[in-house]
Amino acid sequence: MSEPLDDMYRDIIMDHYRSPRGKQPVKSADIKSDGSNPACGDELEMQVEMAGGTLKHIHVDCKGCAISVASGSMLAEIVEGRPLEEARRIAELVRRMLKGEDVELPDDLGDLDALKGVRQFPVRIKCALLSWVTLINGLENYERGQTDSDTPATTEDKE
């Protein structure tokens, strides 16, 4: 990656870290999912209010490094207001991209391209993955009729 592109991606990550999206609590959570990254100690709580099959409102509370917080912020910004299946598809695309697969992200996914730079730092990939595996876990539980997840999602799960 070129230096100006690295700088731009770094600026995007730091903007999401300093001003995370999705901090507003959800009034009535239909999905509650917790996640952890055992590799570095990041922890995440996610709540989603559903409306007619759409992720109406999402709350992400991440306690962790800048990459983890920024990735959760990007998730909140991107998936809020999208249908469940589309949110799952996006989460899977991001998971695959972070794992090194050659994935083409749709143009309407805002700042997510900035996460591609994380692949240069293998120890940080799990930090960026945390919010996405937590969302996937929450959506799977929701489809099984569970509001609360029995087992927290972990970055060790969906590699």
N, C-alpha and C. Protein backbone atom coordinates (compact mmCIF):
# COMPACT_ATOMS: atom_id res chain seq x y z
N MET A 1 0.84 -1.18 0.00
CA MET A 1 0.00 0.00 0.00
C MET A 1 0.89 1.24 0.00
N SER A 2 0.44 2.28 -0.66
CA SER A 2 1.22 3.51 -0.72
C SER A 2 1.10 4.27 0.59
N GLU A 3 2.07 5.11 0.85
CA GLU A 3 2.07 5.88 2.10
C GLU A 3 0.85 6.78 2.25
N PRO A 4 0.44 7.54 1.19
CA PRO A 4 -0.77 8.37 1.33
C PRO A 4 -2.02 7.53 1.63
N LEU A 5 -2.12 6.35 1.02
CA LEU A 5 -3.25 5.47 1.28
C LEU A 5 -3.21 4.95 2.72
N ASP A 6 -2.01 4.58 3.18
CA ASP A 6 -1.85 4.16 4.58
C ASP A 6 -2.29 5.27 5.53
N ASP A 7 -1.89 6.49 5.23
CA ASP A 7 -2.27 7.63 6.07
C ASP A 7 -3.78 7.84 6.09
N MET A 8 -4.41 7.73 4.90
CA MET A 8 -5.85 7.90 4.83
C MET A 8 -6.55 6.82 5.66
N TYR A 9 -6.13 5.57 5.50
CA TYR A 9 -6.74 4.48 6.26
C TYR A 9 -6.53 4.68 7.76
N ARG A 10 -5.34 5.10 8.14
CA ARG A 10 -5.05 5.37 9.55
C ARG A 10 -5.97 6.46 10.09
N ASP A 11 -6.20 7.51 9.29
CA ASP A 11 -7.09 8.60 9.70
C ASP A 11 -8.52 8.09 9.89
N ILE A 12 -8.98 7.22 9.00
CA ILE A 12 -10.33 6.66 9.10
C ILE A 12 -10.46 5.83 10.38
N ILE A 13 -9.49 4.97 10.62
CA ILE A 13 -9.49 4.13 11.84
C ILE A 13 -9.52 5.02 13.08
N MET A 14 -8.69 6.04 13.12
CA MET A 14 -8.62 6.91 14.30
C MET A 14 -9.90 7.72 14.47
N ASP A 15 -10.54 8.12 13.40
CA ASP A 15 -11.81 8.83 13.50
C ASP A 15 -12.87 7.94 14.15
N HIS A 16 -12.95 6.69 13.71
CA HIS A 16 -13.92 5.76 14.30
C HIS A 16 -13.57 5.42 15.75
N TYR A 17 -12.29 5.38 16.06
CA TYR A 17 -11.87 5.10 17.44
C TYR A 17 -12.23 6.27 18.37
N ARG A 18 -11.96 7.48 17.91
CA ARG A 18 -12.20 8.66 18.75
C ARG A 18 -13.69 9.01 18.86
N SER A 19 -14.46 8.72 17.82
CA SER A 19 -15.89 9.04 17.79
C SER A 19 -16.68 7.82 17.32
N PRO A 20 -16.72 6.78 18.15
CA PRO A 20 -17.37 5.55 17.70
C PRO A 20 -18.86 5.72 17.47
N ARG A 21 -19.31 5.14 16.37
CA ARG A 21 -20.73 5.12 16.05
C ARG A 21 -21.37 3.94 16.79
N GLY A 22 -22.67 4.02 16.99
CA GLY A 22 -23.37 2.92 17.65
C GLY A 22 -23.31 2.96 19.16
N LYS A 23 -22.96 4.09 19.74
CA LYS A 23 -22.85 4.19 21.20
C LYS A 23 -24.20 4.41 21.88
N GLN A 24 -25.19 4.88 21.12
CA GLN A 24 -26.52 5.15 21.68
C GLN A 24 -27.16 3.82 22.11
N PRO A 25 -27.56 3.69 23.38
CA PRO A 25 -28.19 2.44 23.82
C PRO A 25 -29.48 2.14 23.06
N VAL A 26 -29.78 0.87 22.95
CA VAL A 26 -30.99 0.40 22.28
C VAL A 26 -32.11 0.34 23.31
N LYS A 27 -33.29 0.83 22.95
CA LYS A 27 -34.42 0.85 23.89
C LYS A 27 -34.94 -0.56 24.17
N SER A 28 -35.08 -1.35 23.14
CA SER A 28 -35.64 -2.69 23.28
C SER A 28 -34.82 -3.65 22.43
N ALA A 29 -33.88 -4.35 23.04
CA ALA A 29 -32.98 -5.23 22.29
C ALA A 29 -33.64 -6.56 21.96
N ASP A 30 -33.67 -6.87 20.68
CA ASP A 30 -34.13 -8.18 20.22
C ASP A 30 -32.96 -9.15 20.11
N ILE A 31 -31.76 -8.60 20.01
CA ILE A 31 -30.54 -9.40 19.93
C ILE A 31 -29.55 -8.82 20.92
N LYS A 32 -28.99 -9.69 21.75
CA LYS A 32 -27.90 -9.32 22.65
C LYS A 32 -26.79 -10.33 22.42
N SER A 33 -25.61 -9.83 22.12
CA SER A 33 -24.49 -10.72 21.85
C SER A 33 -23.22 -10.11 22.42
N ASP A 34 -22.48 -10.92 23.12
CA ASP A 34 -21.19 -10.50 23.68
C ASP A 34 -20.08 -11.19 22.91
N GLY A 35 -18.93 -10.55 22.87
CA GLY A 35 -17.79 -11.14 22.19
C GLY A 35 -16.50 -10.84 22.92
N SER A 36 -15.52 -11.70 22.70
CA SER A 36 -14.21 -11.48 23.32
C SER A 36 -13.10 -11.91 22.36
N ASN A 37 -11.99 -11.25 22.51
CA ASN A 37 -10.78 -11.59 21.76
C ASN A 37 -9.75 -12.04 22.78
N PRO A 38 -9.65 -13.35 23.02
CA PRO A 38 -8.71 -13.85 24.03
C PRO A 38 -7.26 -13.48 23.76
N ALA A 39 -6.92 -13.24 22.49
CA ALA A 39 -5.53 -12.93 22.14
C ALA A 39 -5.04 -11.63 22.78
N CYS A 40 -5.95 -10.64 22.94
CA CYS A 40 -5.49 -9.37 23.51
C CYS A 40 -6.41 -8.79 24.57
N GLY A 41 -7.54 -9.45 24.83
CA GLY A 41 -8.41 -8.99 25.91
C GLY A 41 -9.53 -8.05 25.51
N ASP A 42 -9.71 -7.78 24.21
CA ASP A 42 -10.82 -6.93 23.79
C ASP A 42 -12.14 -7.60 24.16
N GLU A 43 -13.11 -6.78 24.59
CA GLU A 43 -14.45 -7.29 24.91
C GLU A 43 -15.48 -6.39 24.26
N LEU A 44 -16.60 -6.99 23.85
CA LEU A 44 -17.61 -6.24 23.12
C LEU A 44 -19.00 -6.71 23.55
N GLU A 45 -19.88 -5.73 23.76
CA GLU A 45 -21.30 -6.00 24.00
C GLU A 45 -22.07 -5.37 22.86
N MET A 46 -22.98 -6.15 22.27
CA MET A 46 -23.76 -5.66 21.15
C MET A 46 -25.25 -5.89 21.43
N GLN A 47 -26.06 -4.90 21.09
CA GLN A 47 -27.50 -5.02 21.18
C GLN A 47 -28.09 -4.51 19.87
N VAL A 48 -29.12 -5.22 19.41
CA VAL A 48 -29.77 -4.85 18.15
C VAL A 48 -31.27 -4.84 18.36
N GLU A 49 -31.91 -3.78 17.92
CA GLU A 49 -33.36 -3.71 17.89
C GLU A 49 -33.79 -4.00 16.45
N MET A 50 -34.65 -5.00 16.29
CA MET A 50 -35.12 -5.40 14.98
C MET A 50 -36.49 -4.78 14.70
N ALA A 51 -36.79 -4.57 13.43
CA ALA A 51 -38.10 -4.09 13.00
C ALA A 51 -38.37 -4.65 11.61
N GLY A 52 -39.32 -5.58 11.52
CA GLY A 52 -39.68 -6.14 10.23
C GLY A 52 -38.52 -6.77 9.48
N GLY A 53 -37.65 -7.49 10.16
CA GLY A 53 -36.53 -8.15 9.51
C GLY A 53 -35.34 -7.25 9.22
N THR A 54 -35.37 -6.03 9.75
CA THR A 54 -34.30 -5.05 9.53
C THR A 54 -33.63 -4.71 10.85
N LEU A 55 -32.32 -4.52 10.81
CA LEU A 55 -31.58 -4.08 11.99
C LEU A 55 -31.86 -2.58 12.15
N LYS A 56 -32.90 -2.28 12.93
CA LYS A 56 -33.38 -0.91 13.07
C LYS A 56 -32.38 -0.03 13.80
N HIS A 57 -31.84 -0.55 14.92
CA HIS A 57 -30.90 0.23 15.72
C HIS A 57 -29.88 -0.73 16.32
N ILE A 58 -28.62 -0.32 16.32
CA ILE A 58 -27.55 -1.17 16.85
C ILE A 58 -26.70 -0.40 17.84
N HIS A 59 -26.37 -1.07 18.93
CA HIS A 59 -25.51 -0.50 19.97
C HIS A 59 -24.28 -1.40 20.09
N VAL A 60 -23.11 -0.79 20.00
CA VAL A 60 -21.85 -1.52 20.13
C VAL A 60 -21.04 -0.85 21.23
N ASP A 61 -20.72 -1.62 22.25
CA ASP A 61 -19.88 -1.11 23.34
C ASP A 61 -18.63 -1.98 23.39
N CYS A 62 -17.54 -1.43 22.88
CA CYS A 62 -16.29 -2.18 22.79
C CYS A 62 -15.27 -1.59 23.75
N LYS A 63 -14.69 -2.47 24.53
CA LYS A 63 -13.59 -2.10 25.41
C LYS A 63 -12.35 -2.80 24.85
N GLY A 64 -11.52 -2.02 24.18
CA GLY A 64 -10.36 -2.64 23.57
C GLY A 64 -9.50 -1.64 22.84
N CYS A 65 -8.68 -2.15 21.96
CA CYS A 65 -7.72 -1.32 21.23
C CYS A 65 -8.43 -0.49 20.15
N ALA A 66 -7.68 0.40 19.53
CA ALA A 66 -8.23 1.29 18.51
C ALA A 66 -8.81 0.51 17.34
N ILE A 67 -8.18 -0.56 16.91
CA ILE A 67 -8.67 -1.35 15.78
C ILE A 67 -10.00 -1.99 16.13
N SER A 68 -10.11 -2.56 17.31
CA SER A 68 -11.34 -3.22 17.74
C SER A 68 -12.49 -2.23 17.84
N VAL A 69 -12.26 -1.10 18.48
CA VAL A 69 -13.29 -0.07 18.64
C VAL A 69 -13.69 0.47 17.26
N ALA A 70 -12.72 0.77 16.41
CA ALA A 70 -13.02 1.31 15.08
C ALA A 70 -13.81 0.32 14.23
N SER A 71 -13.46 -0.94 14.30
CA SER A 71 -14.18 -1.95 13.53
C SER A 71 -15.63 -2.06 14.00
N GLY A 72 -15.86 -2.01 15.31
CA GLY A 72 -17.22 -2.02 15.85
C GLY A 72 -18.00 -0.79 15.43
N SER A 73 -17.34 0.34 15.39
CA SER A 73 -17.98 1.58 14.94
C SER A 73 -18.38 1.49 13.48
N MET A 74 -17.49 0.95 12.65
CA MET A 74 -17.78 0.79 11.23
C MET A 74 -18.96 -0.17 11.05
N LEU A 75 -18.98 -1.24 11.82
CA LEU A 75 -20.08 -2.19 11.75
C LEU A 75 -21.40 -1.49 12.04
N ALA A 76 -21.44 -0.72 13.13
CA ALA A 76 -22.68 -0.02 13.51
C ALA A 76 -23.12 0.92 12.41
N GLU A 77 -22.20 1.62 11.83
CA GLU A 77 -22.52 2.58 10.78
C GLU A 77 -23.03 1.89 9.51
N ILE A 78 -22.46 0.75 9.19
CA ILE A 78 -22.76 0.08 7.93
C ILE A 78 -24.03 -0.77 7.99
N VAL A 79 -24.24 -1.53 9.08
CA VAL A 79 -25.36 -2.49 9.07
C VAL A 79 -26.67 -1.93 9.61
N GLU A 80 -26.63 -0.84 10.36
CA GLU A 80 -27.88 -0.28 10.88
C GLU A 80 -28.80 0.10 9.72
N GLY A 81 -30.05 -0.34 9.82
CA GLY A 81 -31.04 -0.05 8.80
C GLY A 81 -31.08 -1.06 7.65
N ARG A 82 -30.21 -2.05 7.69
CA ARG A 82 -30.18 -3.05 6.61
C ARG A 82 -30.98 -4.29 7.02
N PRO A 83 -31.52 -5.01 6.02
CA PRO A 83 -32.19 -6.27 6.31
C PRO A 83 -31.21 -7.28 6.91
N LEU A 84 -31.73 -8.18 7.71
CA LEU A 84 -30.91 -9.17 8.39
C LEU A 84 -30.00 -9.93 7.43
N GLU A 85 -30.54 -10.42 6.34
CA GLU A 85 -29.73 -11.21 5.40
C GLU A 85 -28.60 -10.38 4.79
N GLU A 86 -28.86 -9.12 4.52
CA GLU A 86 -27.83 -8.25 3.97
C GLU A 86 -26.74 -7.99 5.01
N ALA A 87 -27.15 -7.77 6.26
CA ALA A 87 -26.18 -7.56 7.35
C ALA A 87 -25.29 -8.79 7.51
N ARG A 88 -25.90 -9.99 7.45
CA ARG A 88 -25.11 -11.22 7.55
C ARG A 88 -24.14 -11.34 6.39
N ARG A 89 -24.61 -11.02 5.18
CA ARG A 89 -23.75 -11.11 3.99
C ARG A 89 -22.55 -10.17 4.12
N ILE A 90 -22.80 -8.96 4.58
CA ILE A 90 -21.71 -7.99 4.78
C ILE A 90 -20.74 -8.50 5.83
N ALA A 91 -21.26 -8.99 6.94
CA ALA A 91 -20.39 -9.50 8.01
C ALA A 91 -19.52 -10.64 7.51
N GLU A 92 -20.09 -11.53 6.71
CA GLU A 92 -19.31 -12.64 6.16
C GLU A 92 -18.25 -12.15 5.18
N LEU A 93 -18.59 -11.17 4.35
CA LEU A 93 -17.61 -10.60 3.42
C LEU A 93 -16.43 -9.99 4.18
N VAL A 94 -16.74 -9.22 5.23
CA VAL A 94 -15.68 -8.59 6.02
C VAL A 94 -14.83 -9.65 6.71
N ARG A 95 -15.47 -10.67 7.27
CA ARG A 95 -14.73 -11.75 7.93
C ARG A 95 -13.78 -12.41 6.94
N ARG A 96 -14.28 -12.72 5.75
CA ARG A 96 -13.44 -13.37 4.73
C ARG A 96 -12.31 -12.44 4.28
N MET A 97 -12.62 -11.14 4.11
CA MET A 97 -11.59 -10.18 3.71
C MET A 97 -10.47 -10.12 4.75
N LEU A 98 -10.86 -10.05 6.02
CA LEU A 98 -9.86 -9.96 7.08
C LEU A 98 -9.02 -11.24 7.19
N LYS A 99 -9.60 -12.36 6.79
CA LYS A 99 -8.88 -13.62 6.83
C LYS A 99 -7.98 -13.80 5.60
N GLY A 100 -7.96 -12.79 4.72
CA GLY A 100 -7.03 -12.81 3.60
C GLY A 100 -7.60 -13.24 2.27
N GLU A 101 -8.90 -13.54 2.23
CA GLU A 101 -9.50 -13.92 0.95
C GLU A 101 -9.63 -12.69 0.06
N ASP A 102 -9.58 -12.93 -1.22
CA ASP A 102 -9.72 -11.85 -2.20
C ASP A 102 -11.21 -11.58 -2.39
N VAL A 103 -11.73 -10.64 -1.63
CA VAL A 103 -13.15 -10.33 -1.61
C VAL A 103 -13.35 -8.92 -2.14
N GLU A 104 -14.32 -8.78 -3.02
CA GLU A 104 -14.67 -7.46 -3.55
C GLU A 104 -15.79 -6.89 -2.70
N LEU A 105 -15.51 -5.80 -1.98
CA LEU A 105 -16.53 -5.15 -1.17
C LEU A 105 -17.36 -4.22 -2.03
N PRO A 106 -18.69 -4.25 -1.88
CA PRO A 106 -19.54 -3.31 -2.62
C PRO A 106 -19.18 -1.86 -2.28
N ASP A 107 -19.42 -0.98 -3.22
CA ASP A 107 -19.06 0.44 -3.07
C ASP A 107 -19.81 1.14 -1.93
N ASP A 108 -20.98 0.63 -1.56
CA ASP A 108 -21.80 1.33 -0.57
C ASP A 108 -21.43 0.98 0.87
N LEU A 109 -20.24 0.43 1.09
CA LEU A 109 -19.86 0.03 2.44
C LEU A 109 -18.91 1.00 3.12
N GLY A 110 -18.95 2.22 2.71
CA GLY A 110 -18.26 3.30 3.41
C GLY A 110 -16.80 3.04 3.71
N ASP A 111 -16.46 3.11 4.99
CA ASP A 111 -15.07 3.08 5.44
C ASP A 111 -14.47 1.68 5.57
N LEU A 112 -15.21 0.63 5.23
CA LEU A 112 -14.72 -0.73 5.46
C LEU A 112 -13.42 -1.06 4.75
N ASP A 113 -13.15 -0.40 3.63
CA ASP A 113 -11.87 -0.64 2.93
C ASP A 113 -10.68 -0.38 3.84
N ALA A 114 -10.84 0.52 4.80
CA ALA A 114 -9.74 0.84 5.71
C ALA A 114 -9.30 -0.38 6.51
N LEU A 115 -10.21 -1.33 6.71
CA LEU A 115 -9.85 -2.53 7.47
C LEU A 115 -8.92 -3.46 6.70
N LYS A 116 -8.85 -3.30 5.39
CA LYS A 116 -7.93 -4.14 4.60
C LYS A 116 -6.49 -3.96 5.08
N GLY A 117 -6.16 -2.75 5.50
CA GLY A 117 -4.80 -2.48 5.97
C GLY A 117 -4.42 -3.28 7.20
N VAL A 118 -5.41 -3.72 7.95
CA VAL A 118 -5.15 -4.50 9.17
C VAL A 118 -4.48 -5.83 8.83
N ARG A 119 -4.74 -6.34 7.63
CA ARG A 119 -4.16 -7.63 7.24
C ARG A 119 -2.63 -7.60 7.23
N GLN A 120 -2.05 -6.40 7.15
CA GLN A 120 -0.59 -6.28 7.20
C GLN A 120 -0.03 -6.59 8.58
N PHE A 121 -0.92 -6.62 9.57
CA PHE A 121 -0.53 -6.83 10.97
C PHE A 121 -1.31 -8.02 11.52
N PRO A 122 -0.82 -9.24 11.29
CA PRO A 122 -1.57 -10.45 11.66
C PRO A 122 -2.07 -10.47 13.11
N VAL A 123 -1.35 -9.89 14.04
CA VAL A 123 -1.82 -9.90 15.43
C VAL A 123 -3.03 -9.00 15.63
N ARG A 124 -3.31 -8.12 14.69
CA ARG A 124 -4.45 -7.20 14.81
C ARG A 124 -5.70 -7.69 14.07
N ILE A 125 -5.57 -8.74 13.29
CA ILE A 125 -6.72 -9.24 12.52
C ILE A 125 -7.86 -9.62 13.46
N LYS A 126 -7.54 -10.31 14.55
CA LYS A 126 -8.59 -10.73 15.48
C LYS A 126 -9.26 -9.53 16.16
N CYS A 127 -8.53 -8.45 16.33
CA CYS A 127 -9.11 -7.22 16.89
C CYS A 127 -10.20 -6.70 15.95
N ALA A 128 -9.90 -6.67 14.66
CA ALA A 128 -10.86 -6.19 13.67
C ALA A 128 -12.02 -7.16 13.49
N LEU A 129 -11.77 -8.44 13.69
CA LEU A 129 -12.81 -9.48 13.52
C LEU A 129 -13.85 -9.48 14.63
N LEU A 130 -13.50 -9.03 15.81
CA LEU A 130 -14.35 -9.20 16.99
C LEU A 130 -15.79 -8.76 16.78
N SER A 131 -16.02 -7.56 16.32
CA SER A 131 -17.40 -7.08 16.17
C SER A 131 -18.17 -7.89 15.13
N TRP A 132 -17.50 -8.31 14.09
CA TRP A 132 -18.17 -9.02 13.00
C TRP A 132 -18.58 -10.43 13.44
N VAL A 133 -17.70 -11.15 14.16
CA VAL A 133 -18.09 -12.48 14.64
C VAL A 133 -19.16 -12.38 15.73
N THR A 134 -19.14 -11.28 16.49
CA THR A 134 -20.17 -11.07 17.51
C THR A 134 -21.52 -10.83 16.85
N LEU A 135 -21.55 -10.06 15.77
CA LEU A 135 -22.79 -9.85 15.03
C LEU A 135 -23.28 -11.16 14.43
N ILE A 136 -22.41 -11.90 13.78
CA ILE A 136 -22.81 -13.18 13.17
C ILE A 136 -23.39 -14.10 14.23
N ASN A 137 -22.75 -14.19 15.38
CA ASN A 137 -23.24 -15.02 16.49
C ASN A 137 -24.63 -14.56 16.93
N GLY A 138 -24.81 -13.26 17.09
CA GLY A 138 -26.09 -12.72 17.51
C GLY A 138 -27.20 -12.99 16.51
N LEU A 139 -26.89 -12.84 15.22
CA LEU A 139 -27.89 -13.09 14.19
C LEU A 139 -28.27 -14.57 14.14
N GLU A 140 -27.29 -15.45 14.29
CA GLU A 140 -27.58 -16.89 14.32
C GLU A 140 -28.47 -17.24 15.50
N ASN A 141 -28.19 -16.70 16.67
CA ASN A 141 -29.01 -16.96 17.84
C ASN A 141 -30.43 -16.42 17.65
N TYR A 142 -30.54 -15.24 17.09
CA TYR A 142 -31.84 -14.62 16.84
C TYR A 142 -32.69 -15.51 15.94
N GLU A 143 -32.08 -16.04 14.91
CA GLU A 143 -32.81 -16.91 13.99
C GLU A 143 -33.24 -18.23 14.64
N ARG A 144 -32.56 -18.61 15.71
CA ARG A 144 -32.95 -19.81 16.47
C ARG A 144 -33.95 -19.46 17.57
N GLY A 145 -34.34 -18.19 17.65
CA GLY A 145 -35.32 -17.78 18.64
C GLY A 145 -34.74 -17.34 19.96
N GLN A 146 -33.42 -17.17 20.02
CA GLN A 146 -32.76 -16.72 21.25
C GLN A 146 -32.48 -15.23 21.17
N THR A 147 -32.84 -14.50 22.22
CA THR A 147 -32.51 -13.07 22.28
C THR A 147 -31.09 -12.89 22.77
N ASP A 148 -30.77 -13.62 23.84
CA ASP A 148 -29.46 -13.53 24.49
C ASP A 148 -28.61 -14.71 24.08
N SER A 149 -27.35 -14.46 23.84
CA SER A 149 -26.45 -15.54 23.49
C SER A 149 -25.98 -16.25 24.76
N ASP A 150 -26.04 -17.57 24.75
CA ASP A 150 -25.58 -18.35 25.90
C ASP A 150 -24.06 -18.29 26.02
N THR A 151 -23.40 -18.32 24.89
CA THR A 151 -21.95 -18.35 24.85
C THR A 151 -21.45 -17.14 24.08
N PRO A 152 -20.55 -16.36 24.69
CA PRO A 152 -20.01 -15.21 23.95
C PRO A 152 -19.30 -15.64 22.68
N ALA A 153 -19.39 -14.82 21.67
CA ALA A 153 -18.63 -15.06 20.44
C ALA A 153 -17.17 -14.82 20.77
N THR A 154 -16.31 -15.48 20.06
CA THR A 154 -14.89 -15.28 20.26
C THR A 154 -14.19 -15.28 18.91
N THR A 155 -13.11 -14.57 18.83
CA THR A 155 -12.36 -14.52 17.59
C THR A 155 -11.71 -15.87 17.29
N GLU A 156 -11.73 -16.77 18.25
CA GLU A 156 -11.19 -18.11 18.03
C GLU A 156 -12.19 -18.98 17.28
N ASP A 157 -13.47 -18.60 17.28
CA ASP A 157 -14.55 -19.42 16.71
C ASP A 157 -14.53 -19.51 15.20
N LYS A 158 -14.63 -18.38 14.55
CA LYS A 158 -14.98 -18.34 13.12
C LYS A 158 -13.80 -17.98 12.25
N GLU A 159 -12.75 -18.72 12.40
CA GLU A 159 -11.58 -18.42 11.58
C GLU A 159 -11.60 -19.19 10.37
